[in-house]
């Protein structure tokens, strides 16, 4: 009984976290790359 209860509680917590995270709009967008070494930054381009 305790094994089933612990599985129910742990999986319930995971489902609750997923349910709270899925409606977030910022999960569909990647942040803009910033700083040195970003793909479009002048520091990452080779001057030949």
PDB file of N, CA and C in Angstrom:
ATOM      1  N   UNK A   1       0.819  -1.198   0.000  1.00  0.00           N
ATOM      2  CA  UNK A   1       0.000   0.000   0.000  1.00  0.00           C
ATOM      3  C   UNK A   1       0.859   1.256   0.000  1.00  0.00           C
ATOM      4  N   UNK A   2       1.945   1.251   0.768  1.00  0.00           N
ATOM      5  CA  UNK A   2       2.808   2.424   0.840  1.00  0.00           C
ATOM      6  C   UNK A   2       3.522   2.643  -0.490  1.00  0.00           C
ATOM      7  N   UNK A   3       3.894   1.552  -1.167  1.00  0.00           N
ATOM      8  CA  UNK A   3       4.546   1.701  -2.465  1.00  0.00           C
ATOM      9  C   UNK A   3       3.606   2.357  -3.471  1.00  0.00           C
ATOM     10  N   UNK A   4       2.374   1.944  -3.501  1.00  0.00           N
ATOM     11  CA  UNK A   4       1.404   2.533  -4.426  1.00  0.00           C
ATOM     12  C   UNK A   4       1.149   3.995  -4.061  1.00  0.00           C
ATOM     13  N   UNK A   5       1.078   4.289  -2.776  1.00  0.00           N
ATOM     14  CA  UNK A   5       0.852   5.662  -2.348  1.00  0.00           C
ATOM     15  C   UNK A   5       2.026   6.563  -2.721  1.00  0.00           C
ATOM     16  N   UNK A   6       3.238   6.076  -2.544  1.00  0.00           N
ATOM     17  CA  UNK A   6       4.401   6.891  -2.898  1.00  0.00           C
ATOM     18  C   UNK A   6       4.481   7.112  -4.403  1.00  0.00           C
ATOM     19  N   UNK A   7       4.128   6.105  -5.198  1.00  0.00           N
ATOM     20  CA  UNK A   7       4.092   6.294  -6.651  1.00  0.00           C
ATOM     21  C   UNK A   7       3.010   7.281  -7.052  1.00  0.00           C
ATOM     22  N   UNK A   8       1.863   7.205  -6.415  1.00  0.00           N
ATOM     23  CA  UNK A   8       0.778   8.123  -6.726  1.00  0.00           C
ATOM     24  C   UNK A   8       1.155   9.558  -6.378  1.00  0.00           C
ATOM     25  N   UNK A   9       1.777   9.765  -5.235  1.00  0.00           N
ATOM     26  CA  UNK A   9       2.159  11.120  -4.826  1.00  0.00           C
ATOM     27  C   UNK A   9       3.255  11.678  -5.735  1.00  0.00           C
ATOM     28  N   UNK A  10       4.266  10.881  -6.020  1.00  0.00           N
ATOM     29  CA  UNK A  10       5.369  11.390  -6.849  1.00  0.00           C
ATOM     30  C   UNK A  10       4.907  11.668  -8.282  1.00  0.00           C
ATOM     31  N   UNK A  11       4.134  10.769  -8.869  1.00  0.00           N
ATOM     32  CA  UNK A  11       3.648  11.000 -10.227  1.00  0.00           C
ATOM     33  C   UNK A  11       2.611  12.121 -10.256  1.00  0.00           C
ATOM     34  N   UNK A  12       1.853  12.262  -9.216  1.00  0.00           N
ATOM     35  CA  UNK A  12       0.913  13.369  -9.127  1.00  0.00           C
ATOM     36  C   UNK A  12       1.631  14.702  -9.093  1.00  0.00           C
ATOM     37  N   UNK A  13       2.752  14.765  -8.377  1.00  0.00           N
ATOM     38  CA  UNK A  13       3.536  15.998  -8.323  1.00  0.00           C
ATOM     39  C   UNK A  13       4.130  16.329  -9.694  1.00  0.00           C
ATOM     40  N   UNK A  14       4.588  15.319 -10.400  1.00  0.00           N
ATOM     41  CA  UNK A  14       5.127  15.540 -11.747  1.00  0.00           C
ATOM     42  C   UNK A  14       4.036  16.031 -12.690  1.00  0.00           C
ATOM     43  N   UNK A  15       2.864  15.412 -12.620  1.00  0.00           N
ATOM     44  CA  UNK A  15       1.752  15.847 -13.472  1.00  0.00           C
ATOM     45  C   UNK A  15       1.304  17.261 -13.130  1.00  0.00           C
ATOM     46  N   UNK A  16       1.294  17.605 -11.854  1.00  0.00           N
ATOM     47  CA  UNK A  16       0.924  18.955 -11.448  1.00  0.00           C
ATOM     48  C   UNK A  16       1.926  19.978 -11.978  1.00  0.00           C
ATOM     49  N   UNK A  17       3.215  19.661 -11.904  1.00  0.00           N
ATOM     50  CA  UNK A  17       4.237  20.570 -12.425  1.00  0.00           C
ATOM     51  C   UNK A  17       4.101  20.735 -13.935  1.00  0.00           C
ATOM     52  N   UNK A  18       3.865  19.637 -14.653  1.00  0.00           N
ATOM     53  CA  UNK A  18       3.699  19.725 -16.102  1.00  0.00           C
ATOM     54  C   UNK A  18       2.451  20.524 -16.456  1.00  0.00           C
ATOM     55  N   UNK A  19       1.377  20.322 -15.704  1.00  0.00           N
ATOM     56  CA  UNK A  19       0.133  21.044 -15.958  1.00  0.00           C
ATOM     57  C   UNK A  19       0.310  22.540 -15.725  1.00  0.00           C
ATOM     58  N   UNK A  20       1.137  22.906 -14.746  1.00  0.00           N
ATOM     59  CA  UNK A  20       1.384  24.326 -14.477  1.00  0.00           C
ATOM     60  C   UNK A  20       2.332  24.945 -15.504  1.00  0.00           C
ATOM     61  N   UNK A  21       3.241  24.155 -16.086  1.00  0.00           N
ATOM     62  CA  UNK A  21       4.227  24.691 -17.023  1.00  0.00           C
ATOM     63  C   UNK A  21       3.727  24.768 -18.462  1.00  0.00           C
ATOM     64  N   UNK A  22       2.857  23.860 -18.866  1.00  0.00           N
ATOM     65  CA  UNK A  22       2.456  23.797 -20.271  1.00  0.00           C
ATOM     66  C   UNK A  22       1.754  25.045 -20.792  1.00  0.00           C
ATOM     67  N   UNK A  23       0.902  25.729 -20.044  1.00  0.00           N
ATOM     68  CA  UNK A  23       0.244  26.905 -20.624  1.00  0.00           C
ATOM     69  C   UNK A  23       1.131  28.150 -20.729  1.00  0.00           C
ATOM     70  N   UNK A  24       2.366  28.085 -20.294  1.00  0.00           N
ATOM     71  CA  UNK A  24       3.234  29.270 -20.349  1.00  0.00           C
ATOM     72  C   UNK A  24       3.576  29.613 -21.786  1.00  0.00           C
ATOM     73  N   UNK A  25       3.422  30.878 -22.139  1.00  0.00           N
ATOM     74  CA  UNK A  25       3.681  31.324 -23.514  1.00  0.00           C
ATOM     75  C   UNK A  25       5.169  31.376 -23.822  1.00  0.00           C
ATOM     76  N   UNK A  26       6.019  31.594 -22.823  1.00  0.00           N
ATOM     77  CA  UNK A  26       7.448  31.729 -23.093  1.00  0.00           C
ATOM     78  C   UNK A  26       8.123  30.394 -23.379  1.00  0.00           C
ATOM     79  N   UNK A  27       7.410  29.287 -23.286  1.00  0.00           N
ATOM     80  CA  UNK A  27       7.997  27.995 -23.635  1.00  0.00           C
ATOM     81  C   UNK A  27       8.070  27.807 -25.149  1.00  0.00           C
ATOM     82  N   UNK A  28       7.300  28.583 -25.900  1.00  0.00           N
ATOM     83  CA  UNK A  28       7.284  28.450 -27.350  1.00  0.00           C
ATOM     84  C   UNK A  28       8.330  29.304 -28.043  1.00  0.00           C
ATOM     85  N   UNK A  29       9.024  30.158 -27.303  1.00  0.00           N
ATOM     86  CA  UNK A  29      10.008  31.071 -27.907  1.00  0.00           C
ATOM     87  C   UNK A  29      11.389  30.793 -27.330  1.00  0.00           C
ATOM     88  N   UNK A  30      12.370  30.826 -28.201  1.00  0.00           N
ATOM     89  CA  UNK A  30      13.760  30.766 -27.758  1.00  0.00           C
ATOM     90  C   UNK A  30      14.233  32.184 -27.490  1.00  0.00           C
ATOM     91  N   UNK A  31      15.023  32.390 -26.447  1.00  0.00           N
ATOM     92  CA  UNK A  31      15.538  33.738 -26.199  1.00  0.00           C
ATOM     93  C   UNK A  31      16.530  34.137 -27.285  1.00  0.00           C
ATOM     94  N   UNK A  32      16.625  35.438 -27.527  1.00  0.00           N
ATOM     95  CA  UNK A  32      17.588  35.935 -28.498  1.00  0.00           C
ATOM     96  C   UNK A  32      19.001  35.693 -27.970  1.00  0.00           C
ATOM     97  N   UNK A  33      19.900  35.213 -28.829  1.00  0.00           N
ATOM     98  CA  UNK A  33      21.277  35.020 -28.377  1.00  0.00           C
ATOM     99  C   UNK A  33      21.933  36.363 -28.090  1.00  0.00           C
ATOM    100  N   UNK A  34      22.622  36.438 -26.994  1.00  0.00           N
ATOM    101  CA  UNK A  34      23.274  37.681 -26.598  1.00  0.00           C
ATOM    102  C   UNK A  34      24.689  37.378 -26.135  1.00  0.00           C
ATOM    103  N   UNK A  35      25.513  38.383 -26.171  1.00  0.00           N
ATOM    104  CA  UNK A  35      26.862  38.257 -25.653  1.00  0.00           C
ATOM    105  C   UNK A  35      27.846  37.788 -26.703  1.00  0.00           C
ATOM    106  N   UNK A  36      29.122  37.780 -26.331  1.00  0.00           N
ATOM    107  CA  UNK A  36      30.150  37.328 -27.272  1.00  0.00           C
ATOM    108  C   UNK A  36      30.002  35.842 -27.561  1.00  0.00           C
ATOM    109  N   UNK A  37      30.279  35.477 -28.779  1.00  0.00           N
ATOM    110  CA  UNK A  37      30.162  34.088 -29.172  1.00  0.00           C
ATOM    111  C   UNK A  37      28.803  33.727 -29.720  1.00  0.00           C
ATOM    112  N   UNK A  38      27.864  34.658 -29.730  1.00  0.00           N
ATOM    113  CA  UNK A  38      26.554  34.401 -30.317  1.00  0.00           C
ATOM    114  C   UNK A  38      26.731  34.250 -31.830  1.00  0.00           C
ATOM    115  N   UNK A  39      25.890  33.479 -32.501  1.00  0.00           N
ATOM    116  CA  UNK A  39      26.103  33.211 -33.933  1.00  0.00           C
ATOM    117  C   UNK A  39      26.179  34.457 -34.802  1.00  0.00           C
ATOM    118  N   UNK A  40      25.460  35.524 -34.490  1.00  0.00           N
ATOM    119  CA  UNK A  40      25.467  36.718 -35.344  1.00  0.00           C
ATOM    120  C   UNK A  40      26.312  37.848 -34.773  1.00  0.00           C
ATOM    121  N   UNK A  41      27.057  37.600 -33.717  1.00  0.00           N
ATOM    122  CA  UNK A  41      27.853  38.673 -33.126  1.00  0.00           C
ATOM    123  C   UNK A  41      29.130  38.869 -33.934  1.00  0.00           C
ATOM    124  N   UNK A  42      29.667  40.088 -33.951  1.00  0.00           N
ATOM    125  CA  UNK A  42      30.898  40.344 -34.720  1.00  0.00           C
ATOM    126  C   UNK A  42      32.092  39.551 -34.205  1.00  0.00           C
ATOM    127  N   UNK A  43      32.098  39.207 -32.913  1.00  0.00           N
ATOM    128  CA  UNK A  43      33.225  38.458 -32.357  1.00  0.00           C
ATOM    129  C   UNK A  43      33.294  37.041 -32.896  1.00  0.00           C
ATOM    130  N   UNK A  44      32.147  36.497 -33.319  1.00  0.00           N
ATOM    131  CA  UNK A  44      32.147  35.101 -33.776  1.00  0.00           C
ATOM    132  C   UNK A  44      32.493  34.964 -35.248  1.00  0.00           C
ATOM    133  N   UNK A  45      32.500  36.060 -35.986  1.00  0.00           N
ATOM    134  CA  UNK A  45      32.828  36.010 -37.400  1.00  0.00           C
ATOM    135  C   UNK A  45      34.332  36.050 -37.599  1.00  0.00           C
ATOM    136  N   UNK A  46      34.805  35.262 -38.508  1.00  0.00           N
ATOM    137  CA  UNK A  46      36.247  35.252 -38.822  1.00  0.00           C
ATOM    138  C   UNK A  46      36.511  36.309 -39.885  1.00  0.00           C
ATOM    139  N   UNK A  47      37.421  37.224 -39.588  1.00  0.00           N
ATOM    140  CA  UNK A  47      37.789  38.255 -40.564  1.00  0.00           C
ATOM    141  C   UNK A  47      38.921  37.707 -41.428  1.00  0.00           C
ATOM    142  N   UNK A  48      38.586  37.340 -42.659  1.00  0.00           N
ATOM    143  CA  UNK A  48      39.602  36.768 -43.539  1.00  0.00           C
ATOM    144  C   UNK A  48      39.974  37.703 -44.649  1.00  0.00           C
TER     145      UNK A  48
END
